[in-house]
Amino acid sequence: MQFRELKITDFGKFHQKNIFLKEGINLIYGENEAGKSTVHAFIRGMLFGIEKPRGRVSKEDIYTRYQPWDSPSSYRGSLDFTSEGKNYRIIRNLEKNQKSMSLLDLETGRELGNDNGRIKELLGGLTESGYVNTVSIEQQKIRTGPELAGEVRNYITNLSLAKSNEVDVNKALAFLQGKKKELESRRPQQELKETKELIEKGKILEQRADDLMNQLNRVTRDLSLAEERVNSQRAEGAEKENSFDYEEALLQYPLIQDKFKYYEGRKRQKEELRGKIETLEEEIAAGKYPKSGELKKDMEALRETEKEKAGIEEEREAFLLEASQNKKRRTGRAFTATVLFLLGALVMLLIGFTSHSKVWLAALPLALAAAAVIGKLNADTKRAAKEYEERLKGLDSINQHNRKKREGTLEKYHVRNEEELTALYEASIKAEMQNDFKKVQIREYIGQEEQLEELVAAGKEELISYLMLAAKEKERLLLKEYEPEERDLLKVRTFLEGRKKEQQRAEEEIFKERDRLSLLAEKIKWELNSLSENEEELLFYQEKERKLLEKEEELKIELEAVATAMETIKSLSQKIHDSFGAVLNQKVSGLVSELTGGSYSNIRIDENLEMKAEIGEEYRVWDRLSTGTMDQLLFALRLSVSDILYDRELPLLLDDCFAYYDDRRTRAALSYLTGCSRQILIFTCHEREREILKELNISYNYVDLGEA
């Protein structure tokens, strides 16, 4: 058998990934997380399907582990393979809600079925557990599972007994074991024991009923005489005055006690309410926050002051800007006039000197005029500066007034700034709201207090009425300030009990015997009534015992037959293994010898597939050898069992199974695999296997999972 092509549509990290395989060795390389285990799991899923486990998800939940990353609802692929010279294709949809499978004959295009039975036939009878425990070696999972030993036992037993694979010894033993448990569970030993105990108890009760009947006859006779004496006493007592029923008053005592406790509780509640009312009133009176209304007005006035301050600052800046601009204009005008007059005077002087005339005398008026203009401009500048100064003083005065007003407001409320004043206002509002709530509570408490006052008054009146039955100082009970006390109740009870005893003492001796006999007669009747069905039950249990003994005997015979059958099968299976196991021992020994270079050539395997290796003159348990040697033994066991169990040369899948091998062991294993006539898939993240294959000049198909 040979895998030809893997078409991974959606599985794990892969999407639309095709992998082509060839006969012989296929070296599938990939770094960590490249998807080697995913490809390995894909092949298993195509051959056997993948079921989603129910209940809590475990670490063996392969379904969830390999769900497609990008499209979990698309969980499918196909596998092309060759078996006995014919080409087939398995197509599976693994999604749990759309699960399907098809097996196609690629030569004819015909669908061969949609169940796993036909695939198992093409795989030479390979089961999923057989696949996992033989030809498929997952990463660090070379150790075989216990189910493989069961398959081997079935195979060799079936081959020897029936020359076919239709008999399942494990199922037969499991069936017989289940039958044994069923028969054991049906044995009526406990029921039989309980029935015997009930029969013995019934016999004792039967004797007890006879004794009770004789006793009842004697008691009935004595009771009749006692009744006559009681009737005589009652006739005498009817003639005497009996004005008060002390027993009835005593019966009321527990109720009065409860009412007293209720009365005390209401009093405590009333006192607690009064305390709460006083506490709330004190809290309201102790409030030190200013009134929020007045505080709000002052805060608004303060905000207006701040606004006015901002306006003054703006006006001040405008005045300063205007003064600066006017000053520049006046200075410019003065400078211009001065320059013009000076130029005029200079021209006149030049003309006068050059013409030797008196024209220069005209410059004198011009100079005087220039001086007059400049003087006027200076006077205007001083006057404007004075006006601006007075206006600024006015603004500063307003600012000074507002600052004092602000400081006065802050000092009034003992705060340093507006933020603290705002916080004080918020606290004042909160305090007023709390006080309003407390006033509402006070009104509610006062209403409850009035209701409790009514309940306390009614309870007090009822208690005093009861206490009057025995009080020697009745005047004290009628005082307004009197409060019922528990000691007064105890006095009443003591008084009533004493009077009751006095009242009963006269009748006690006569009635005592009558009551004793009456109670005894009732007790005997009750016991006889409870025993009335005993005779019928005794007969029932005696018949039941007979049937249970018959059933126990029948089950014993069946259990002996099951035990004999199980012992026969086990004995026969052991004998068959001893004779047929030699074939497995020889096959494993030969392969181990080749893998270890002859270091271990004699291996013995028991019915549980536990191995021992001959070392010197003794056999040593395999799991005491080195890790690499253990892996070699398990590798040989898997291949040998695969060759024995299945009639196909199945592809061998090795997922990093040489991790504990040194170079010598790896070289030996690869040399052996080269000589095998089966297809080999080696999954690795190392270059060592490739280098050894090149060194040994062994041809192989190289698949790099990292390539697109």
Foldseek 3Di string as FASTA:
>chain_A
DWWAKWQFCFKAADHRDMDGFDFFEEEEAEAPPLQLVRVLVSVLCQQANADQDDDDDDPPRRLVNIQGPPDNQAGWIKIWTDFPRWIKMWTFGRRPVDTWIWIAGVVVRDTPDTDNPVSCVSQQNQDSLLCDQFQADADVRLDHDLVLLQLVLQQLLCCVPPVDNPDRLVVVLVVLVVVLVVLVVPQCPVVLVVLVVLLVVLVVLVVVLVVLVVVLVVLVVVLVVLVVVLVVVVVVCVVDDDPDDLVVLLVCLVVLVVLVVVLVVLVVLLVVLVVLLVVLVVLLVPDDADALVVLVVLLVVLVVLVVVLVVLVVVLVVLVVVLVVVVVVLVVVLVVLLVVLVVVLVVQVVVCVVVVHPSNVVSVVSVVVSVVSNVVSVVVNVVSVVVSVVVNVVSVVSNVVSVVSVVVSCVVNVHDDVVVSVVSSVVNVVSVVVSVVSVVVSVVSVVSSVVSVVSSVVSLVVSLVSLVVQDPCNVLSPDPPDDDDVVSSVRSSVVSVVVVCVVCVVVCVSVVVSVVSVVSSVVSVVSSVVSVCSVVVSVVSVVVSVVSVVSNVVSVVVSVVSVVVSVVSVVSSQVSCVVVVVQLQQQLLVQLCLLVVNQFRGWHAHSSRFIWTDDPPDTHGLVVDDPQSSLSSSNSNSPSSCVSSGPGQEEREAECSCVVPDLSSLLSVSVVSSPDSGGYYYYDNDCSNVVSCVVVVHDYHYHHSPDD
